[in-house]
């Protein structure tokens, strides 16, 4: 395909690279558009292109910002839940109706008491999470390392749709304990996207002396948030083409309104040429802009042409009068 590349002059250095081909393609496109499209279509396409670019930038910004804020909200909820569980687990609120978790049987009395406290805290927190007015989908579990045991304490309160939680990787457990820092990760549990927070769990001083360690895992199912993002994506995919179509229609109408004075001037000039009446003028009325300057320039040219034709007519009349007598003789 010939895109109008000019031959290099003698001694010129050829430009090699993608930028050269992009510039050539742009120049070829501008040439084709300039030759084959009217001014109205050029204005329409330019307006539609600008609106499409603006809508795309706004849509992508909204998309990225929604995803960022959604992730920040989920992480903040996980941190808040983990903080509440960590504080409540150290409170002495073990009731008679709470028994020692089976995973903690066989350990010391202090460990069993701590396990019961953690179990009660998790059950209470799970009940609050599933209370009316709260967003469901957050679950938690605590893993305690009491040599040589590695128990897992899960909340007793369950609800339909609760995902089964699995044992944590020992490497992740000890990494969290040693670094004493929380970490986030996105997991896929039974084809469900879940946000996971693992953080060190405080233990009573008497257990800390026995080298008892614990970590807290809080899970948040992202189904609701992903549904919101998916709906937003669908809306953007529908709104963007409709917005571009509306921009093209609006651009066509705007170009028509903007070029209407020029259409009136062209029709007036055409009538002057057909009637051959040099006394007619455009007499444009409007703001002082490019169109008015065009009309004033044309009227000035018609004044000069009328003066020239009148002078030529007088010259011909005088010449014919001067030549009539000698020719008669």
C-alpha atoms as a PDB file:
ATOM      1  CA  UNK A   1       0.000   0.000   0.000  1.00  0.00           C
ATOM      2  CA  UNK A   2       1.382   3.348  -0.991  1.00  0.00           C
ATOM      3  CA  UNK A   3       1.185   5.752   1.914  1.00  0.00           C
ATOM      4  CA  UNK A   4       2.789   8.678   0.159  1.00  0.00           C
ATOM      5  CA  UNK A   5       6.396   8.287   1.328  1.00  0.00           C
ATOM      6  CA  UNK A   6       8.743  10.748  -0.328  1.00  0.00           C
ATOM      7  CA  UNK A   7      12.107   9.540  -1.635  1.00  0.00           C
ATOM      8  CA  UNK A   8      15.120  10.472   0.454  1.00  0.00           C
ATOM      9  CA  UNK A   9      17.291  13.265  -0.807  1.00  0.00           C
ATOM     10  CA  UNK A  10      20.872  12.609  -1.676  1.00  0.00           C
ATOM     11  CA  UNK A  11      22.976  12.399   1.464  1.00  0.00           C
ATOM     12  CA  UNK A  12      19.956  12.233   3.807  1.00  0.00           C
ATOM     13  CA  UNK A  13      19.997   9.718   6.635  1.00  0.00           C
ATOM     14  CA  UNK A  14      16.966   7.346   6.566  1.00  0.00           C
ATOM     15  CA  UNK A  15      14.791   7.290   9.692  1.00  0.00           C
ATOM     16  CA  UNK A  16      14.387   3.761  10.978  1.00  0.00           C
ATOM     17  CA  UNK A  17      11.899   2.850  13.659  1.00  0.00           C
ATOM     18  CA  UNK A  18       8.268   2.676  14.573  1.00  0.00           C
ATOM     19  CA  UNK A  19       8.025   6.451  15.007  1.00  0.00           C
ATOM     20  CA  UNK A  20       8.773   6.995  11.310  1.00  0.00           C
ATOM     21  CA  UNK A  21       6.026   4.619  10.225  1.00  0.00           C
ATOM     22  CA  UNK A  22       3.571   6.133  12.679  1.00  0.00           C
ATOM     23  CA  UNK A  23       4.276   9.628  11.360  1.00  0.00           C
ATOM     24  CA  UNK A  24       3.914   8.415   7.787  1.00  0.00           C
ATOM     25  CA  UNK A  25       0.617   6.697   8.568  1.00  0.00           C
ATOM     26  CA  UNK A  26      -0.697   9.848  10.278  1.00  0.00           C
ATOM     27  CA  UNK A  27       0.283  12.017   7.309  1.00  0.00           C
ATOM     28  CA  UNK A  28      -1.321   9.556   4.876  1.00  0.00           C
ATOM     29  CA  UNK A  29      -4.537   9.473   6.930  1.00  0.00           C
ATOM     30  CA  UNK A  30      -4.662  13.259   7.133  1.00  0.00           C
ATOM     31  CA  UNK A  31      -4.177  13.498   3.386  1.00  0.00           C
ATOM     32  CA  UNK A  32      -6.948  11.007   2.630  1.00  0.00           C
ATOM     33  CA  UNK A  33      -9.330  12.646   5.083  1.00  0.00           C
ATOM     34  CA  UNK A  34      -8.556  16.101   3.745  1.00  0.00           C
ATOM     35  CA  UNK A  35      -9.190  15.057   0.138  1.00  0.00           C
ATOM     36  CA  UNK A  36     -12.302  12.929   0.536  1.00  0.00           C
ATOM     37  CA  UNK A  37     -14.259  14.390   3.464  1.00  0.00           C
ATOM     38  CA  UNK A  38     -16.173  17.611   3.685  1.00  0.00           C
ATOM     39  CA  UNK A  39     -15.634  20.188   6.400  1.00  0.00           C
ATOM     40  CA  UNK A  40     -18.854  19.101   8.089  1.00  0.00           C
ATOM     41  CA  UNK A  41     -17.721  15.499   8.286  1.00  0.00           C
ATOM     42  CA  UNK A  42     -14.280  16.539   9.496  1.00  0.00           C
ATOM     43  CA  UNK A  43     -15.799  18.544  12.345  1.00  0.00           C
ATOM     44  CA  UNK A  44     -18.181  15.685  13.165  1.00  0.00           C
ATOM     45  CA  UNK A  45     -15.423  13.084  13.290  1.00  0.00           C
ATOM     46  CA  UNK A  46     -13.156  15.362  15.303  1.00  0.00           C
ATOM     47  CA  UNK A  47     -15.891  16.048  17.840  1.00  0.00           C
ATOM     48  CA  UNK A  48     -16.755  12.331  18.072  1.00  0.00           C
ATOM     49  CA  UNK A  49     -13.081  11.400  18.488  1.00  0.00           C
ATOM     50  CA  UNK A  50     -12.619  13.919  21.287  1.00  0.00           C
ATOM     51  CA  UNK A  51     -15.749  12.712  23.099  1.00  0.00           C
ATOM     52  CA  UNK A  52     -14.720   9.067  22.672  1.00  0.00           C
ATOM     53  CA  UNK A  53     -11.288   9.829  24.105  1.00  0.00           C
ATOM     54  CA  UNK A  54     -12.791  11.729  27.024  1.00  0.00           C
ATOM     55  CA  UNK A  55     -15.336   8.973  27.782  1.00  0.00           C
ATOM     56  CA  UNK A  56     -12.619   6.326  27.590  1.00  0.00           C
ATOM     57  CA  UNK A  57     -10.365   8.189  30.003  1.00  0.00           C
ATOM     58  CA  UNK A  58     -13.257   8.801  32.419  1.00  0.00           C
ATOM     59  CA  UNK A  59     -14.404   5.155  32.186  1.00  0.00           C
ATOM     60  CA  UNK A  60     -10.927   3.732  32.767  1.00  0.00           C
ATOM     61  CA  UNK A  61     -10.346   6.121  35.663  1.00  0.00           C
ATOM     62  CA  UNK A  62     -13.668   5.127  37.219  1.00  0.00           C
ATOM     63  CA  UNK A  63     -12.893   1.457  36.710  1.00  0.00           C
ATOM     64  CA  UNK A  64      -9.415   1.641  38.268  1.00  0.00           C
ATOM     65  CA  UNK A  65     -10.566   3.870  41.133  1.00  0.00           C
ATOM     66  CA  UNK A  66     -13.517   1.584  41.925  1.00  0.00           C
ATOM     67  CA  UNK A  67     -11.250  -1.449  42.021  1.00  0.00           C
ATOM     68  CA  UNK A  68      -8.713   0.361  44.194  1.00  0.00           C
ATOM     69  CA  UNK A  69     -11.312   1.651  46.641  1.00  0.00           C
ATOM     70  CA  UNK A  70     -13.040  -1.736  46.765  1.00  0.00           C
ATOM     71  CA  UNK A  71      -9.772  -3.456  47.623  1.00  0.00           C
ATOM     72  CA  UNK A  72      -8.991  -0.798  50.223  1.00  0.00           C
ATOM     73  CA  UNK A  73     -12.442  -1.214  51.791  1.00  0.00           C
ATOM     74  CA  UNK A  74     -12.092  -4.994  51.995  1.00  0.00           C
ATOM     75  CA  UNK A  75      -8.625  -4.730  53.538  1.00  0.00           C
ATOM     76  CA  UNK A  76      -9.835  -2.128  56.043  1.00  0.00           C
ATOM     77  CA  UNK A  77     -12.741  -4.397  57.072  1.00  0.00           C
ATOM     78  CA  UNK A  78     -10.363  -7.319  57.485  1.00  0.00           C
ATOM     79  CA  UNK A  79      -8.011  -5.251  59.631  1.00  0.00           C
ATOM     80  CA  UNK A  80     -10.894  -3.981  61.771  1.00  0.00           C
ATOM     81  CA  UNK A  81     -12.248  -7.501  62.299  1.00  0.00           C
ATOM     82  CA  UNK A  82      -8.801  -8.872  63.119  1.00  0.00           C
ATOM     83  CA  UNK A  83      -8.180  -6.062  65.612  1.00  0.00           C
ATOM     84  CA  UNK A  84     -11.501  -6.681  67.371  1.00  0.00           C
ATOM     85  CA  UNK A  85     -10.896 -10.434  67.590  1.00  0.00           C
ATOM     86  CA  UNK A  86      -7.346  -9.929  68.884  1.00  0.00           C
ATOM     87  CA  UNK A  87      -8.558  -7.642  71.681  1.00  0.00           C
ATOM     88  CA  UNK A  88     -11.588  -9.753  72.678  1.00  0.00           C
ATOM     89  CA  UNK A  89      -9.609 -13.000  72.729  1.00  0.00           C
ATOM     90  CA  UNK A  90      -7.636 -11.825  75.780  1.00  0.00           C
ATOM     91  CA  UNK A  91     -10.754 -11.082  77.834  1.00  0.00           C
ATOM     92  CA  UNK A  92     -11.765 -13.538  80.564  1.00  0.00           C
ATOM     93  CA  UNK A  93     -15.295 -14.347  79.404  1.00  0.00           C
ATOM     94  CA  UNK A  94     -15.362 -18.116  79.263  1.00  0.00           C
ATOM     95  CA  UNK A  95     -18.885 -19.382  80.043  1.00  0.00           C
ATOM     96  CA  UNK A  96     -20.045 -22.771  81.127  1.00  0.00           C
ATOM     97  CA  UNK A  97     -21.766 -23.470  77.838  1.00  0.00           C
ATOM     98  CA  UNK A  98     -18.467 -23.177  75.981  1.00  0.00           C
ATOM     99  CA  UNK A  99     -16.345 -26.267  75.998  1.00  0.00           C
ATOM    100  CA  UNK A 100     -12.724 -26.692  75.063  1.00  0.00           C
ATOM    101  CA  UNK A 101     -12.306 -27.227  71.289  1.00  0.00           C
ATOM    102  CA  UNK A 102     -11.490 -30.767  70.351  1.00  0.00           C
ATOM    103  CA  UNK A 103      -8.297 -29.693  68.619  1.00  0.00           C
ATOM    104  CA  UNK A 104      -6.999 -28.300  71.929  1.00  0.00           C
ATOM    105  CA  UNK A 105      -7.614 -31.409  74.009  1.00  0.00           C
ATOM    106  CA  UNK A 106      -4.477 -32.899  75.459  1.00  0.00           C
ATOM    107  CA  UNK A 107      -2.736 -29.582  76.003  1.00  0.00           C
ATOM    108  CA  UNK A 108      -2.131 -27.767  79.271  1.00  0.00           C
ATOM    109  CA  UNK A 109      -4.941 -26.178  81.250  1.00  0.00           C
ATOM    110  CA  UNK A 110      -3.749 -22.673  80.303  1.00  0.00           C
ATOM    111  CA  UNK A 111      -3.777 -23.545  76.604  1.00  0.00           C
ATOM    112  CA  UNK A 112      -7.235 -25.078  76.890  1.00  0.00           C
ATOM    113  CA  UNK A 113      -8.525 -21.969  78.667  1.00  0.00           C
ATOM    114  CA  UNK A 114      -7.066 -19.739  75.943  1.00  0.00           C
ATOM    115  CA  UNK A 115      -8.564 -21.974  73.250  1.00  0.00           C
ATOM    116  CA  UNK A 116     -11.981 -21.649  74.895  1.00  0.00           C
ATOM    117  CA  UNK A 117     -11.629 -17.868  75.019  1.00  0.00           C
ATOM    118  CA  UNK A 118     -10.689 -17.745  71.362  1.00  0.00           C
ATOM    119  CA  UNK A 119     -13.591 -20.041  70.453  1.00  0.00           C
ATOM    120  CA  UNK A 120     -16.064 -17.791  72.280  1.00  0.00           C
ATOM    121  CA  UNK A 121     -14.612 -14.689  70.627  1.00  0.00           C
ATOM    122  CA  UNK A 122     -14.903 -16.231  67.165  1.00  0.00           C
ATOM    123  CA  UNK A 123     -18.451 -17.404  67.784  1.00  0.00           C
ATOM    124  CA  UNK A 124     -19.480 -13.950  69.012  1.00  0.00           C
ATOM    125  CA  UNK A 125     -17.775 -12.207  66.118  1.00  0.00           C
ATOM    126  CA  UNK A 126     -19.338 -14.560  63.546  1.00  0.00           C
ATOM    127  CA  UNK A 127     -22.780 -13.885  65.006  1.00  0.00           C
ATOM    128  CA  UNK A 128     -22.212 -10.138  64.689  1.00  0.00           C
ATOM    129  CA  UNK A 129     -21.026 -10.499  61.114  1.00  0.00           C
ATOM    130  CA  UNK A 130     -24.177 -12.382  60.101  1.00  0.00           C
ATOM    131  CA  UNK A 131     -26.488 -10.036  62.011  1.00  0.00           C
ATOM    132  CA  UNK A 132     -29.032  -7.992  59.991  1.00  0.00           C
ATOM    133  CA  UNK A 133     -27.486  -4.941  58.409  1.00  0.00           C
ATOM    134  CA  UNK A 134     -24.003  -6.427  58.056  1.00  0.00           C
ATOM    135  CA  UNK A 135     -22.376  -7.589  54.849  1.00  0.00           C
ATOM    136  CA  UNK A 136     -22.002 -11.400  54.975  1.00  0.00           C
ATOM    137  CA  UNK A 137     -19.057 -13.277  53.612  1.00  0.00           C
ATOM    138  CA  UNK A 138     -16.384 -12.704  56.291  1.00  0.00           C
ATOM    139  CA  UNK A 139     -15.041 -15.729  58.148  1.00  0.00           C
ATOM    140  CA  UNK A 140     -12.138 -16.267  60.490  1.00  0.00           C
ATOM    141  CA  UNK A 141     -10.079 -18.947  62.156  1.00  0.00           C
ATOM    142  CA  UNK A 142      -7.192 -19.082  64.648  1.00  0.00           C
ATOM    143  CA  UNK A 143      -4.275 -21.493  64.559  1.00  0.00           C
ATOM    144  CA  UNK A 144      -2.263 -22.039  67.725  1.00  0.00           C
ATOM    145  CA  UNK A 145       1.136 -23.672  67.834  1.00  0.00           C
ATOM    146  CA  UNK A 146       1.544 -25.531  71.107  1.00  0.00           C
ATOM    147  CA  UNK A 147       4.391 -28.044  70.728  1.00  0.00           C
ATOM    148  CA  UNK A 148       3.899 -30.661  69.514  1.00  0.00           C
ATOM    149  CA  UNK A 149       0.310 -29.791  68.552  1.00  0.00           C
ATOM    150  CA  UNK A 150      -0.856 -27.617  65.706  1.00  0.00           C
ATOM    151  CA  UNK A 151      -4.600 -27.103  66.330  1.00  0.00           C
ATOM    152  CA  UNK A 152      -7.083 -25.059  64.321  1.00  0.00           C
ATOM    153  CA  UNK A 153      -9.949 -23.225  66.031  1.00  0.00           C
ATOM    154  CA  UNK A 154     -12.843 -22.412  63.729  1.00  0.00           C
ATOM    155  CA  UNK A 155     -16.012 -20.476  64.589  1.00  0.00           C
ATOM    156  CA  UNK A 156     -18.852 -22.676  65.773  1.00  0.00           C
ATOM    157  CA  UNK A 157     -21.474 -20.390  64.219  1.00  0.00           C
ATOM    158  CA  UNK A 158     -21.985 -21.414  60.585  1.00  0.00           C
ATOM    159  CA  UNK A 159     -24.473 -20.464  57.943  1.00  0.00           C
ATOM    160  CA  UNK A 160     -25.526 -21.877  54.595  1.00  0.00           C
ATOM    161  CA  UNK A 161     -22.865 -21.068  52.039  1.00  0.00           C
ATOM    162  CA  UNK A 162     -19.947 -20.832  54.496  1.00  0.00           C
ATOM    163  CA  UNK A 163     -16.769 -21.966  52.768  1.00  0.00           C
ATOM    164  CA  UNK A 164     -14.693 -24.689  54.443  1.00  0.00           C
ATOM    165  CA  UNK A 165     -11.444 -23.299  55.803  1.00  0.00           C
ATOM    166  CA  UNK A 166      -8.264 -25.320  55.525  1.00  0.00           C
ATOM    167  CA  UNK A 167      -5.128 -25.505  57.647  1.00  0.00           C
ATOM    168  CA  UNK A 168      -2.582 -22.802  57.016  1.00  0.00           C
ATOM    169  CA  UNK A 169       0.762 -23.586  55.461  1.00  0.00           C
ATOM    170  CA  UNK A 170       3.321 -23.998  58.295  1.00  0.00           C
ATOM    171  CA  UNK A 171       5.806 -21.867  56.343  1.00  0.00           C
ATOM    172  CA  UNK A 172       3.305 -18.983  56.221  1.00  0.00           C
ATOM    173  CA  UNK A 173       2.534 -19.515  59.912  1.00  0.00           C
ATOM    174  CA  UNK A 174       6.136 -19.187  61.090  1.00  0.00           C
ATOM    175  CA  UNK A 175       6.887 -16.406  58.595  1.00  0.00           C
ATOM    176  CA  UNK A 176       4.050 -14.366  60.101  1.00  0.00           C
ATOM    177  CA  UNK A 177       5.217 -15.100  63.636  1.00  0.00           C
ATOM    178  CA  UNK A 178       8.839 -14.193  62.926  1.00  0.00           C
ATOM    179  CA  UNK A 179       8.089 -11.031  60.962  1.00  0.00           C
ATOM    180  CA  UNK A 180       5.258  -9.963  63.315  1.00  0.00           C
ATOM    181  CA  UNK A 181       3.583  -8.357  60.297  1.00  0.00           C
ATOM    182  CA  UNK A 182       0.205  -8.842  58.647  1.00  0.00           C
ATOM    183  CA  UNK A 183      -0.081  -9.887  55.037  1.00  0.00           C
ATOM    184  CA  UNK A 184      -2.885  -9.968  52.465  1.00  0.00           C
ATOM    185  CA  UNK A 185      -3.467 -12.465  49.694  1.00  0.00           C
ATOM    186  CA  UNK A 186      -6.197 -13.290  47.207  1.00  0.00           C
ATOM    187  CA  UNK A 187      -7.201 -16.971  47.280  1.00  0.00           C
ATOM    188  CA  UNK A 188      -9.546 -19.120  45.198  1.00  0.00           C
ATOM    189  CA  UNK A 189     -11.512 -21.429  47.489  1.00  0.00           C
ATOM    190  CA  UNK A 190     -13.988 -23.667  45.655  1.00  0.00           C
ATOM    191  CA  UNK A 191     -13.895 -21.337  42.616  1.00  0.00           C
ATOM    192  CA  UNK A 192     -14.742 -18.376  44.856  1.00  0.00           C
ATOM    193  CA  UNK A 193     -12.450 -15.352  45.024  1.00  0.00           C
ATOM    194  CA  UNK A 194     -11.562 -14.713  48.669  1.00  0.00           C
ATOM    195  CA  UNK A 195      -9.406 -12.023  50.263  1.00  0.00           C
ATOM    196  CA  UNK A 196      -7.232 -13.415  53.041  1.00  0.00           C
ATOM    197  CA  UNK A 197      -5.543 -11.618  55.951  1.00  0.00           C
ATOM    198  CA  UNK A 198      -3.077 -13.422  58.193  1.00  0.00           C
ATOM    199  CA  UNK A 199      -1.800 -11.587  61.251  1.00  0.00           C
ATOM    200  CA  UNK A 200      -0.081 -12.518  64.529  1.00  0.00           C
ATOM    201  CA  UNK A 201      -2.470 -13.273  67.385  1.00  0.00           C
ATOM    202  CA  UNK A 202      -1.684 -12.013  70.924  1.00  0.00           C
ATOM    203  CA  UNK A 203      -1.442 -14.670  73.609  1.00  0.00           C
ATOM    204  CA  UNK A 204      -1.535 -14.292  77.406  1.00  0.00           C
ATOM    205  CA  UNK A 205       1.825 -13.707  79.142  1.00  0.00           C
ATOM    206  CA  UNK A 206       1.813 -17.136  80.817  1.00  0.00           C
ATOM    207  CA  UNK A 207       1.471 -18.809  77.421  1.00  0.00           C
ATOM    208  CA  UNK A 208       4.104 -16.606  75.848  1.00  0.00           C
ATOM    209  CA  UNK A 209       6.601 -18.003  78.367  1.00  0.00           C
ATOM    210  CA  UNK A 210       5.708 -21.493  77.175  1.00  0.00           C
ATOM    211  CA  UNK A 211       6.517 -20.451  73.568  1.00  0.00           C
ATOM    212  CA  UNK A 212       2.876 -20.685  72.548  1.00  0.00           C
ATOM    213  CA  UNK A 213       2.264 -18.846  69.264  1.00  0.00           C
ATOM    214  CA  UNK A 214      -0.960 -18.086  67.404  1.00  0.00           C
ATOM    215  CA  UNK A 215      -2.019 -16.499  64.147  1.00  0.00           C
ATOM    216  CA  UNK A 216      -5.389 -15.169  63.090  1.00  0.00           C
ATOM    217  CA  UNK A 217      -6.782 -15.633  59.599  1.00  0.00           C
ATOM    218  CA  UNK A 218      -9.698 -13.544  58.397  1.00  0.00           C
ATOM    219  CA  UNK A 219     -11.363 -14.320  55.064  1.00  0.00           C
ATOM    220  CA  UNK A 220     -13.647 -12.079  53.057  1.00  0.00           C
ATOM    221  CA  UNK A 221     -15.615 -13.465  50.110  1.00  0.00           C
ATOM    222  CA  UNK A 222     -15.389 -10.893  47.311  1.00  0.00           C
ATOM    223  CA  UNK A 223     -18.464 -12.113  45.462  1.00  0.00           C
ATOM    224  CA  UNK A 224     -20.552  -9.010  46.206  1.00  0.00           C
ATOM    225  CA  UNK A 225     -17.723  -6.619  45.378  1.00  0.00           C
ATOM    226  CA  UNK A 226     -16.870  -8.479  42.175  1.00  0.00           C
ATOM    227  CA  UNK A 227     -20.531  -8.353  41.142  1.00  0.00           C
ATOM    228  CA  UNK A 228     -20.484  -4.571  41.591  1.00  0.00           C
ATOM    229  CA  UNK A 229     -17.324  -4.290  39.498  1.00  0.00           C
ATOM    230  CA  UNK A 230     -18.805  -6.573  36.818  1.00  0.00           C
ATOM    231  CA  UNK A 231     -21.997  -4.492  36.622  1.00  0.00           C
ATOM    232  CA  UNK A 232     -19.889  -1.345  36.374  1.00  0.00           C
ATOM    233  CA  UNK A 233     -17.878  -2.855  33.536  1.00  0.00           C
ATOM    234  CA  UNK A 234     -21.034  -3.829  31.655  1.00  0.00           C
ATOM    235  CA  UNK A 235     -22.465  -0.330  32.121  1.00  0.00           C
ATOM    236  CA  UNK A 236     -19.248   1.227  30.816  1.00  0.00           C
ATOM    237  CA  UNK A 237     -19.173  -1.102  27.803  1.00  0.00           C
ATOM    238  CA  UNK A 238     -22.749  -0.097  26.974  1.00  0.00           C
ATOM    239  CA  UNK A 239     -22.434   3.605  27.767  1.00  0.00           C
ATOM    240  CA  UNK A 240     -19.203   4.194  25.833  1.00  0.00           C
ATOM    241  CA  UNK A 241     -20.536   3.188  22.368  1.00  0.00           C
ATOM    242  CA  UNK A 242     -23.823   5.003  23.008  1.00  0.00           C
ATOM    243  CA  UNK A 243     -21.887   8.062  24.152  1.00  0.00           C
ATOM    244  CA  UNK A 244     -19.746   8.013  21.006  1.00  0.00           C
ATOM    245  CA  UNK A 245     -22.860   7.654  18.826  1.00  0.00           C
ATOM    246  CA  UNK A 246     -24.526  10.559  20.622  1.00  0.00           C
ATOM    247  CA  UNK A 247     -21.320  12.582  20.201  1.00  0.00           C
ATOM    248  CA  UNK A 248     -21.330  11.928  16.430  1.00  0.00           C
ATOM    249  CA  UNK A 249     -24.958  13.026  16.128  1.00  0.00           C
ATOM    250  CA  UNK A 250     -24.298  16.108  18.248  1.00  0.00           C
ATOM    251  CA  UNK A 251     -21.141  16.845  16.248  1.00  0.00           C
ATOM    252  CA  UNK A 252     -23.079  16.645  12.983  1.00  0.00           C
ATOM    253  CA  UNK A 253     -25.703  19.052  14.309  1.00  0.00           C
ATOM    254  CA  UNK A 254     -23.092  21.447  15.727  1.00  0.00           C
ATOM    255  CA  UNK A 255     -21.150  21.433  12.454  1.00  0.00           C
ATOM    256  CA  UNK A 256     -24.359  22.101  10.539  1.00  0.00           C
ATOM    257  CA  UNK A 257     -25.239  25.065  12.759  1.00  0.00           C
ATOM    258  CA  UNK A 258     -21.683  26.412  12.620  1.00  0.00           C
ATOM    259  CA  UNK A 259     -21.493  26.195   8.820  1.00  0.00           C
ATOM    260  CA  UNK A 260     -24.978  27.592   8.199  1.00  0.00           C
ATOM    261  CA  UNK A 261     -23.739  31.232   7.735  1.00  0.00           C
ATOM    262  CA  UNK A 262     -21.217  30.005   5.196  1.00  0.00           C
ATOM    263  CA  UNK A 263     -24.012  28.200   3.320  1.00  0.00           C
ATOM    264  CA  UNK A 264     -26.022  31.448   3.187  1.00  0.00           C
ATOM    265  CA  UNK A 265     -22.974  33.352   1.913  1.00  0.00           C
ATOM    266  CA  UNK A 266     -22.327  30.744  -0.799  1.00  0.00           C
ATOM    267  CA  UNK A 267     -25.952  30.861  -1.987  1.00  0.00           C
ATOM    268  CA  UNK A 268     -25.856  34.663  -2.079  1.00  0.00           C
ATOM    269  CA  UNK A 269     -22.625  34.640  -4.092  1.00  0.00           C
ATOM    270  CA  UNK A 270     -24.119  32.092  -6.471  1.00  0.00           C
ATOM    271  CA  UNK A 271     -27.175  34.315  -7.037  1.00  0.00           C
ATOM    272  CA  UNK A 272     -24.933  37.306  -7.726  1.00  0.00           C
ATOM    273  CA  UNK A 273     -23.009  35.306 -10.317  1.00  0.00           C
ATOM    274  CA  UNK A 274     -26.163  34.046 -12.024  1.00  0.00           C
ATOM    275  CA  UNK A 275     -27.901  37.454 -12.127  1.00  0.00           C
ATOM    276  CA  UNK A 276     -24.678  39.305 -13.091  1.00  0.00           C
ATOM    277  CA  UNK A 277     -25.873  42.182 -10.916  1.00  0.00           C
ATOM    278  CA  UNK A 278     -22.778  43.721  -9.423  1.00  0.00           C
ATOM    279  CA  UNK A 279     -24.808  46.028  -7.191  1.00  0.00           C
ATOM    280  CA  UNK A 280     -25.892  43.174  -4.928  1.00  0.00           C
ATOM    281  CA  UNK A 281     -24.038  42.606  -1.672  1.00  0.00           C
ATOM    282  CA  UNK A 282     -24.004  39.961   1.045  1.00  0.00           C
ATOM    283  CA  UNK A 283     -24.709  42.477   3.828  1.00  0.00           C
ATOM    284  CA  UNK A 284     -23.805  39.967   6.532  1.00  0.00           C
ATOM    285  CA  UNK A 285     -25.193  40.566  10.024  1.00  0.00           C
ATOM    286  CA  UNK A 286     -23.565  38.785  12.874  1.00  0.00           C
ATOM    287  CA  UNK A 287     -20.687  38.798  15.342  1.00  0.00           C
ATOM    288  CA  UNK A 288     -17.215  39.890  14.392  1.00  0.00           C
ATOM    289  CA  UNK A 289     -15.662  36.532  13.565  1.00  0.00           C
ATOM    290  CA  UNK A 290     -14.095  34.674  10.659  1.00  0.00           C
ATOM    291  CA  UNK A 291     -17.403  34.411   8.777  1.00  0.00           C
ATOM    292  CA  UNK A 292     -18.115  38.136   9.053  1.00  0.00           C
ATOM    293  CA  UNK A 293     -14.587  38.969   7.854  1.00  0.00           C
ATOM    294  CA  UNK A 294     -15.132  36.691   4.871  1.00  0.00           C
ATOM    295  CA  UNK A 295     -18.406  38.457   4.025  1.00  0.00           C
ATOM    296  CA  UNK A 296     -16.864  41.937   4.433  1.00  0.00           C
ATOM    297  CA  UNK A 297     -13.926  40.924   2.250  1.00  0.00           C
ATOM    298  CA  UNK A 298     -16.268  39.710  -0.479  1.00  0.00           C
ATOM    299  CA  UNK A 299     -18.356  42.884  -0.315  1.00  0.00           C
ATOM    300  CA  UNK A 300     -15.173  44.952  -0.611  1.00  0.00           C
ATOM    301  CA  UNK A 301     -14.129  42.951  -3.657  1.00  0.00           C
ATOM    302  CA  UNK A 302     -17.562  43.482  -5.233  1.00  0.00           C
ATOM    303  CA  UNK A 303     -17.254  47.249  -4.634  1.00  0.00           C
ATOM    304  CA  UNK A 304     -13.931  47.303  -6.473  1.00  0.00           C
ATOM    305  CA  UNK A 305     -15.289  45.144  -9.292  1.00  0.00           C
ATOM    306  CA  UNK A 306     -18.341  47.392  -9.693  1.00  0.00           C
ATOM    307  CA  UNK A 307     -16.117  50.465  -9.802  1.00  0.00           C
ATOM    308  CA  UNK A 308     -13.876  48.831 -12.418  1.00  0.00           C
ATOM    309  CA  UNK A 309     -16.816  47.791 -14.581  1.00  0.00           C
ATOM    310  CA  UNK A 310     -18.292  51.321 -14.386  1.00  0.00           C
ATOM    311  CA  UNK A 311     -14.952  52.819 -15.382  1.00  0.00           C
ATOM    312  CA  UNK A 312     -14.664  50.358 -18.248  1.00  0.00           C
ATOM    313  CA  UNK A 313     -18.201  51.189 -19.376  1.00  0.00           C
ATOM    314  CA  UNK A 314     -17.467  54.932 -19.368  1.00  0.00           C
ATOM    315  CA  UNK A 315     -14.246  54.363 -21.279  1.00  0.00           C
ATOM    316  CA  UNK A 316     -16.043  52.319 -23.931  1.00  0.00           C
ATOM    317  CA  UNK A 317     -18.787  54.947 -24.212  1.00  0.00           C
ATOM    318  CA  UNK A 318     -16.256  57.767 -24.570  1.00  0.00           C
ATOM    319  CA  UNK A 319     -14.187  55.809 -27.079  1.00  0.00           C
ATOM    320  CA  UNK A 320     -17.215  54.964 -29.202  1.00  0.00           C
ATOM    321  CA  UNK A 321     -18.309  58.624 -29.163  1.00  0.00           C
ATOM    322  CA  UNK A 322     -14.870  59.808 -30.219  1.00  0.00           C
ATOM    323  CA  UNK A 323     -14.682  57.238 -33.023  1.00  0.00           C
ATOM    324  CA  UNK A 324     -18.228  57.747 -34.322  1.00  0.00           C
ATOM    325  CA  UNK A 325     -17.500  61.136 -36.053  1.00  0.00           C
ATOM    326  CA  UNK A 326     -14.375  60.036 -37.982  1.00  0.00           C
ATOM    327  CA  UNK A 327     -16.080  56.844 -39.027  1.00  0.00           C
ATOM    328  CA  UNK A 328     -19.121  58.819 -40.276  1.00  0.00           C
ATOM    329  CA  UNK A 329     -16.873  61.156 -42.304  1.00  0.00           C
END
